[in-house]
Amino acid sequence: MAEPSVKVPSDVVGSIRGFLKKQGGSATAVLQPVGEAGVRITLVGEDGGLLGDRMVDDMTTAKAVVDSVDGLEVGEWDRELTSVANVRPAHWRKMAGWVAKQKRFPQARNSRILD
């Protein structure tokens, strides 16, 4: 019995191809399940190790996206990959969410222990 074909999101493929064009033509993709939200495809570019990411619904779709983009290979967060990953300041702010815009922070609950 043949497996059903997977619909590869064209917007995701297009944005990944654009990322690759800016990053020397290739990148490593780390496929990370994030619960009900789906699967994060984190990209580490060849040229400078800049990060990019896209979300898809499930692992089958994530693997189909990787298979449909030339210059993209699946990898893991190992020592070699993390040593070349270069996180831009804007990406740090994006990952920090609401905390990135804060000017004041509450005192740590364990501050008496730390003093």
Protein backbone atom coordinates (compact mmCIF):
# COMPACT_ATOMS: atom_id res chain seq x y z
CA MET A 1 0.00 0.00 0.00
CA ALA A 2 1.45 3.38 -1.02
CA GLU A 3 1.83 6.06 1.60
CA PRO A 4 -0.26 9.23 1.09
CA SER A 5 1.66 12.16 -0.32
CA VAL A 6 2.50 15.04 1.99
CA LYS A 7 1.52 18.58 1.04
CA VAL A 8 4.68 20.63 1.36
CA PRO A 9 3.88 24.26 2.32
CA SER A 10 5.15 26.41 -0.56
CA ASP A 11 5.62 29.48 1.65
CA VAL A 12 7.93 27.53 3.98
CA VAL A 13 9.92 26.08 1.08
CA GLY A 14 10.19 29.51 -0.55
CA SER A 15 11.44 31.21 2.60
CA ILE A 16 13.98 28.45 3.24
CA ARG A 17 15.27 28.73 -0.33
CA GLY A 18 15.62 32.49 0.20
CA PHE A 19 17.54 31.86 3.41
CA LEU A 20 19.87 29.44 1.61
CA LYS A 21 20.49 31.93 -1.18
CA LYS A 22 21.73 34.45 1.42
CA GLN A 23 23.75 31.82 3.31
CA GLY A 24 26.03 30.40 0.64
CA GLY A 25 23.61 27.87 -0.81
CA SER A 26 23.42 25.34 1.99
CA ALA A 27 22.41 24.90 5.60
CA THR A 28 21.83 22.30 8.27
CA ALA A 29 18.27 21.79 9.46
CA VAL A 30 17.52 20.59 12.99
CA LEU A 31 13.99 19.17 13.27
CA GLN A 32 12.56 19.82 16.74
CA PRO A 33 9.08 18.72 17.82
CA VAL A 34 7.47 21.39 20.01
CA GLY A 35 4.30 19.69 21.19
CA GLU A 36 0.96 20.67 19.75
CA ALA A 37 2.53 23.65 17.95
CA GLY A 38 4.19 21.30 15.46
CA VAL A 39 7.82 20.94 14.44
CA ARG A 40 10.38 23.72 14.33
CA ILE A 41 12.84 23.55 11.45
CA THR A 42 15.87 25.44 12.76
CA LEU A 43 18.37 26.37 10.06
CA VAL A 44 22.09 26.98 10.55
CA GLY A 45 23.50 28.64 7.44
CA GLU A 46 26.76 27.63 5.79
CA ASP A 47 28.04 31.21 5.51
CA GLY A 48 28.54 32.52 9.04
CA GLY A 49 26.23 30.06 10.79
CA LEU A 50 23.30 32.48 10.99
CA LEU A 51 20.08 31.00 12.33
CA GLY A 52 16.65 30.92 10.78
CA ASP A 53 13.57 28.90 11.59
CA ARG A 54 10.16 27.89 10.30
CA MET A 55 7.30 25.90 11.81
CA VAL A 56 5.32 23.10 10.18
CA ASP A 57 2.48 20.91 11.46
CA ASP A 58 4.29 17.60 11.96
CA MET A 59 7.51 15.62 11.50
CA THR A 60 6.36 14.07 8.22
CA THR A 61 5.89 17.54 6.74
CA ALA A 62 9.22 18.72 8.16
CA LYS A 63 11.06 15.82 6.51
CA ALA A 64 9.23 16.46 3.23
CA VAL A 65 10.29 20.12 3.34
CA VAL A 66 13.94 19.14 3.85
CA ASP A 67 13.72 16.61 1.01
CA SER A 68 12.27 19.21 -1.35
CA VAL A 69 15.00 21.85 -0.83
CA ASP A 70 18.41 21.39 -2.47
CA GLY A 71 21.32 22.29 -0.21
CA LEU A 72 19.53 21.41 3.01
CA GLU A 73 20.61 18.50 5.20
CA VAL A 74 19.29 17.24 8.52
CA GLY A 75 21.58 17.55 11.53
CA GLU A 76 21.53 17.48 15.33
CA TRP A 77 22.56 19.97 17.99
CA ASP A 78 25.99 18.49 18.48
CA ARG A 79 29.26 20.22 19.39
CA GLU A 80 30.19 20.86 15.76
CA LEU A 81 26.89 22.52 14.84
CA THR A 82 26.51 24.59 18.00
CA SER A 83 30.08 25.87 17.62
CA VAL A 84 29.26 27.46 14.25
CA ALA A 85 25.76 28.73 15.07
CA ASN A 86 25.69 32.53 15.17
CA VAL A 87 22.65 34.08 16.83
CA ARG A 88 21.93 37.65 15.68
CA PRO A 89 20.83 40.17 18.33
CA ALA A 90 17.38 40.40 16.69
CA HIS A 91 16.98 36.64 17.03
CA TRP A 92 17.87 36.81 20.74
CA ARG A 93 15.17 39.46 21.21
CA LYS A 94 12.65 37.33 19.30
CA MET A 95 13.41 34.30 21.48
CA ALA A 96 13.16 36.38 24.65
CA GLY A 97 9.62 37.47 23.81
CA TRP A 98 8.09 39.99 26.22
CA VAL A 99 11.19 39.95 28.45
CA ALA A 100 13.24 41.65 25.73
CA LYS A 101 11.25 44.88 26.11
CA GLN A 102 11.51 45.09 29.90
CA LYS A 103 13.52 47.84 31.57
CA ARG A 104 12.98 46.67 35.17
CA PHE A 105 12.87 43.15 36.51
CA PRO A 106 11.48 41.88 39.82
CA GLN A 107 13.97 40.89 42.50
CA ALA A 108 14.87 37.21 42.41
CA ARG A 109 12.94 35.09 44.91
CA ASN A 110 16.13 33.50 46.13
CA SER A 111 18.06 36.79 46.50
CA ARG A 112 18.55 36.29 50.26
CA ILE A 113 20.24 32.97 49.59
CA LEU A 114 22.51 34.53 46.97
CA ASP A 115 23.67 37.47 49.13
